[in-house]
Amino acid sequence: MRLVLAGSFAVLTAGCGSTMQVMSSGPDTYYVITSSVLGLGVSEEDKALAEAAAVDRCRRDGMRMQVTSIASRTRDYGSARGAASTLHFRCVP
């Protein structure tokens, strides 16, 4: 019984993390999308992870990151909430 409950808990909490993807939108211009599934809504941690990914991307080219815009939204999925943030940035010398 304990094994079944532990396995169920692991499956339920596995969906609570964030996903992140950095994509190019032009020369030295990028955006990062983070989304939390089954989370509690937009978190400062998700935004911080997006900014860290942006900084890392620019450092690869010996540049620094400059935010051009950031937007966040939440959605209700019945008893859970999801969130997504989009950070637009460019790499500057």
N, C-alpha and C. Protein backbone atom coordinates (compact mmCIF):
# COMPACT_ATOMS: atom_id res chain seq x y z
N MET A 1 0.82 -1.20 0.00
CA MET A 1 0.00 0.00 0.00
C MET A 1 0.87 1.26 0.00
N ARG A 2 1.92 1.26 0.82
CA ARG A 2 2.80 2.42 0.87
C ARG A 2 3.49 2.66 -0.47
N LEU A 3 3.87 1.58 -1.13
CA LEU A 3 4.53 1.69 -2.42
C LEU A 3 3.60 2.31 -3.45
N VAL A 4 2.35 1.92 -3.46
CA VAL A 4 1.36 2.47 -4.38
C VAL A 4 1.16 3.96 -4.12
N LEU A 5 1.05 4.36 -2.85
CA LEU A 5 0.87 5.77 -2.51
C LEU A 5 2.10 6.58 -2.87
N ALA A 6 3.28 6.04 -2.62
CA ALA A 6 4.52 6.75 -2.96
C ALA A 6 4.63 6.93 -4.47
N GLY A 7 4.28 5.91 -5.23
CA GLY A 7 4.31 6.01 -6.69
C GLY A 7 3.32 7.03 -7.22
N SER A 8 2.13 7.06 -6.63
CA SER A 8 1.12 8.03 -7.05
C SER A 8 1.57 9.45 -6.74
N PHE A 9 2.18 9.65 -5.58
CA PHE A 9 2.68 10.97 -5.21
C PHE A 9 3.77 11.42 -6.19
N ALA A 10 4.67 10.52 -6.57
CA ALA A 10 5.73 10.85 -7.51
C ALA A 10 5.16 11.27 -8.86
N VAL A 11 4.14 10.57 -9.33
CA VAL A 11 3.52 10.91 -10.61
C VAL A 11 2.84 12.28 -10.52
N LEU A 12 2.15 12.54 -9.44
CA LEU A 12 1.44 13.81 -9.28
C LEU A 12 2.40 14.98 -9.18
N THR A 13 3.49 14.83 -8.44
CA THR A 13 4.42 15.95 -8.26
C THR A 13 5.33 16.12 -9.46
N ALA A 14 5.47 15.12 -10.30
CA ALA A 14 6.34 15.25 -11.47
C ALA A 14 5.84 16.32 -12.41
N GLY A 15 4.55 16.57 -12.45
CA GLY A 15 3.99 17.57 -13.34
C GLY A 15 4.03 18.98 -12.79
N CYS A 16 4.58 19.18 -11.60
CA CYS A 16 4.57 20.49 -10.98
C CYS A 16 5.75 21.34 -11.36
N GLY A 17 6.67 20.85 -12.15
CA GLY A 17 7.86 21.60 -12.51
C GLY A 17 7.62 22.55 -13.64
N SER A 18 8.69 23.18 -14.06
CA SER A 18 8.63 24.14 -15.15
C SER A 18 9.35 23.59 -16.36
N THR A 19 8.92 24.04 -17.52
CA THR A 19 9.64 23.75 -18.75
C THR A 19 10.10 25.07 -19.32
N MET A 20 11.21 25.03 -20.05
CA MET A 20 11.77 26.27 -20.56
C MET A 20 12.42 26.00 -21.91
N GLN A 21 12.31 26.98 -22.80
CA GLN A 21 12.90 26.85 -24.12
C GLN A 21 13.38 28.22 -24.58
N VAL A 22 14.64 28.33 -25.04
CA VAL A 22 15.19 29.57 -25.58
C VAL A 22 15.17 29.44 -27.10
N MET A 23 14.60 30.46 -27.76
CA MET A 23 14.51 30.43 -29.22
C MET A 23 14.97 31.76 -29.82
N SER A 24 15.53 31.68 -30.99
CA SER A 24 15.99 32.88 -31.70
C SER A 24 14.82 33.52 -32.44
N SER A 25 14.80 34.86 -32.41
CA SER A 25 13.76 35.57 -33.16
C SER A 25 14.38 36.59 -34.11
N GLY A 26 15.70 36.56 -34.25
CA GLY A 26 16.40 37.46 -35.14
C GLY A 26 17.87 37.52 -34.75
N PRO A 27 18.65 38.37 -35.42
CA PRO A 27 20.07 38.48 -35.07
C PRO A 27 20.25 38.99 -33.64
N ASP A 28 20.90 38.18 -32.80
CA ASP A 28 21.16 38.53 -31.40
C ASP A 28 19.88 38.84 -30.62
N THR A 29 18.74 38.37 -31.09
CA THR A 29 17.45 38.59 -30.43
C THR A 29 16.80 37.24 -30.18
N TYR A 30 16.29 37.05 -28.95
CA TYR A 30 15.78 35.75 -28.53
C TYR A 30 14.55 35.93 -27.65
N TYR A 31 13.92 34.80 -27.36
CA TYR A 31 12.89 34.79 -26.34
C TYR A 31 12.92 33.46 -25.60
N VAL A 32 12.50 33.51 -24.34
CA VAL A 32 12.45 32.34 -23.47
C VAL A 32 11.01 32.18 -23.04
N ILE A 33 10.48 30.98 -23.19
CA ILE A 33 9.13 30.67 -22.71
C ILE A 33 9.26 29.68 -21.57
N THR A 34 8.70 30.02 -20.43
CA THR A 34 8.63 29.08 -19.32
C THR A 34 7.16 28.78 -19.07
N SER A 35 6.88 27.55 -18.71
CA SER A 35 5.51 27.20 -18.35
C SER A 35 5.51 26.22 -17.21
N SER A 36 4.64 26.45 -16.26
CA SER A 36 4.48 25.57 -15.11
C SER A 36 3.16 24.84 -15.26
N VAL A 37 3.21 23.55 -15.25
CA VAL A 37 2.02 22.73 -15.36
C VAL A 37 1.65 22.24 -13.96
N LEU A 38 0.38 22.36 -13.62
CA LEU A 38 -0.12 22.00 -12.31
C LEU A 38 0.55 22.80 -11.20
N GLY A 39 1.03 24.01 -11.53
CA GLY A 39 1.66 24.85 -10.53
C GLY A 39 0.64 25.71 -9.82
N LEU A 40 1.12 26.64 -9.08
CA LEU A 40 0.26 27.53 -8.32
C LEU A 40 0.15 28.89 -8.99
N GLY A 41 0.51 28.98 -10.24
CA GLY A 41 0.44 30.24 -10.96
C GLY A 41 1.82 30.78 -11.25
N VAL A 42 1.88 32.01 -11.75
CA VAL A 42 3.14 32.64 -12.10
C VAL A 42 3.99 32.79 -10.85
N SER A 43 5.22 32.32 -10.92
CA SER A 43 6.10 32.43 -9.77
C SER A 43 7.33 33.24 -10.14
N GLU A 44 7.88 33.88 -9.14
CA GLU A 44 9.12 34.64 -9.35
C GLU A 44 10.25 33.68 -9.71
N GLU A 45 10.16 32.45 -9.24
CA GLU A 45 11.19 31.46 -9.55
C GLU A 45 11.21 31.16 -11.05
N ASP A 46 10.04 31.03 -11.67
CA ASP A 46 9.98 30.80 -13.12
C ASP A 46 10.61 31.96 -13.88
N LYS A 47 10.31 33.18 -13.46
CA LYS A 47 10.89 34.36 -14.12
C LYS A 47 12.40 34.38 -13.94
N ALA A 48 12.87 34.03 -12.74
CA ALA A 48 14.31 34.01 -12.48
C ALA A 48 15.01 32.95 -13.33
N LEU A 49 14.37 31.79 -13.51
CA LEU A 49 14.94 30.75 -14.37
C LEU A 49 15.03 31.22 -15.82
N ALA A 50 14.02 31.93 -16.28
CA ALA A 50 14.02 32.45 -17.65
C ALA A 50 15.15 33.47 -17.82
N GLU A 51 15.31 34.35 -16.84
CA GLU A 51 16.38 35.35 -16.92
C GLU A 51 17.75 34.69 -16.89
N ALA A 52 17.91 33.66 -16.07
CA ALA A 52 19.19 32.95 -16.00
C ALA A 52 19.51 32.29 -17.33
N ALA A 53 18.51 31.70 -17.98
CA ALA A 53 18.72 31.07 -19.29
C ALA A 53 19.10 32.12 -20.33
N ALA A 54 18.50 33.30 -20.24
CA ALA A 54 18.81 34.38 -21.17
C ALA A 54 20.24 34.87 -20.97
N VAL A 55 20.63 35.04 -19.72
CA VAL A 55 22.01 35.48 -19.41
C VAL A 55 23.01 34.46 -19.94
N ASP A 56 22.73 33.17 -19.70
CA ASP A 56 23.63 32.11 -20.18
C ASP A 56 23.75 32.14 -21.70
N ARG A 57 22.64 32.36 -22.39
CA ARG A 57 22.66 32.38 -23.86
C ARG A 57 23.56 33.50 -24.36
N CYS A 58 23.45 34.67 -23.79
CA CYS A 58 24.27 35.80 -24.23
C CYS A 58 25.74 35.63 -23.86
N ARG A 59 26.00 35.06 -22.71
CA ARG A 59 27.40 34.84 -22.28
C ARG A 59 28.14 33.92 -23.23
N ARG A 60 27.42 32.99 -23.87
CA ARG A 60 28.07 32.10 -24.84
C ARG A 60 28.73 32.88 -25.96
N ASP A 61 28.17 34.05 -26.28
CA ASP A 61 28.72 34.89 -27.34
C ASP A 61 29.53 36.05 -26.78
N GLY A 62 29.82 36.03 -25.48
CA GLY A 62 30.61 37.10 -24.86
C GLY A 62 29.85 38.41 -24.76
N MET A 63 28.54 38.34 -24.65
CA MET A 63 27.71 39.54 -24.58
C MET A 63 26.92 39.54 -23.27
N ARG A 64 26.18 40.60 -23.05
CA ARG A 64 25.30 40.68 -21.89
C ARG A 64 23.86 40.73 -22.35
N MET A 65 22.96 40.33 -21.46
CA MET A 65 21.55 40.24 -21.79
C MET A 65 20.83 41.54 -21.47
N GLN A 66 19.95 41.95 -22.38
CA GLN A 66 19.11 43.13 -22.18
C GLN A 66 17.65 42.73 -22.43
N VAL A 67 16.81 42.86 -21.40
CA VAL A 67 15.40 42.51 -21.51
C VAL A 67 14.69 43.55 -22.38
N THR A 68 13.91 43.09 -23.34
CA THR A 68 13.10 44.01 -24.15
C THR A 68 11.63 43.96 -23.74
N SER A 69 11.15 42.81 -23.25
CA SER A 69 9.80 42.72 -22.71
C SER A 69 9.64 41.41 -21.95
N ILE A 70 8.66 41.42 -21.05
CA ILE A 70 8.32 40.20 -20.31
C ILE A 70 6.82 40.20 -20.07
N ALA A 71 6.21 39.04 -20.27
CA ALA A 71 4.76 38.92 -20.07
C ALA A 71 4.48 37.60 -19.36
N SER A 72 3.49 37.60 -18.48
CA SER A 72 3.10 36.40 -17.75
C SER A 72 1.60 36.24 -17.79
N ARG A 73 1.16 34.99 -17.71
CA ARG A 73 -0.29 34.73 -17.65
C ARG A 73 -0.52 33.45 -16.86
N THR A 74 -1.70 33.35 -16.28
CA THR A 74 -2.10 32.13 -15.57
C THR A 74 -3.37 31.59 -16.20
N ARG A 75 -3.57 30.32 -16.04
CA ARG A 75 -4.79 29.66 -16.51
C ARG A 75 -5.26 28.70 -15.45
N ASP A 76 -6.57 28.59 -15.32
CA ASP A 76 -7.15 27.64 -14.39
C ASP A 76 -7.48 26.35 -15.12
N TYR A 77 -7.09 25.24 -14.54
CA TYR A 77 -7.37 23.92 -15.08
C TYR A 77 -8.17 23.14 -14.05
N GLY A 78 -9.34 23.62 -13.74
CA GLY A 78 -10.14 22.96 -12.71
C GLY A 78 -9.59 23.26 -11.34
N SER A 79 -9.05 22.26 -10.68
CA SER A 79 -8.54 22.45 -9.33
C SER A 79 -7.08 22.88 -9.30
N ALA A 80 -6.43 22.96 -10.44
CA ALA A 80 -5.02 23.36 -10.52
C ALA A 80 -4.88 24.61 -11.38
N ARG A 81 -3.74 25.25 -11.25
CA ARG A 81 -3.45 26.42 -12.07
C ARG A 81 -2.16 26.19 -12.83
N GLY A 82 -2.08 26.75 -13.98
CA GLY A 82 -0.87 26.71 -14.77
C GLY A 82 -0.42 28.12 -15.06
N ALA A 83 0.84 28.29 -15.41
CA ALA A 83 1.36 29.62 -15.67
C ALA A 83 2.34 29.57 -16.83
N ALA A 84 2.48 30.68 -17.51
CA ALA A 84 3.46 30.80 -18.58
C ALA A 84 4.02 32.21 -18.56
N SER A 85 5.32 32.31 -18.79
CA SER A 85 5.99 33.61 -18.90
C SER A 85 6.80 33.61 -20.18
N THR A 86 6.84 34.74 -20.84
CA THR A 86 7.65 34.92 -22.05
C THR A 86 8.56 36.10 -21.85
N LEU A 87 9.86 35.87 -21.95
CA LEU A 87 10.88 36.90 -21.79
C LEU A 87 11.53 37.14 -23.15
N HIS A 88 11.39 38.34 -23.68
CA HIS A 88 12.07 38.72 -24.93
C HIS A 88 13.33 39.47 -24.54
N PHE A 89 14.44 39.16 -25.20
CA PHE A 89 15.69 39.81 -24.86
C PHE A 89 16.61 39.87 -26.07
N ARG A 90 17.64 40.67 -25.93
CA ARG A 90 18.67 40.69 -26.96
C ARG A 90 20.03 40.64 -26.29
N CYS A 91 21.02 40.20 -27.03
CA CYS A 91 22.38 40.14 -26.54
C CYS A 91 23.13 41.35 -27.08
N VAL A 92 23.70 42.11 -26.17
CA VAL A 92 24.41 43.33 -26.55
C VAL A 92 25.85 43.27 -26.05
N PRO A 93 26.77 43.96 -26.76
CA PRO A 93 28.19 43.94 -26.33
C PRO A 93 28.39 44.62 -24.99
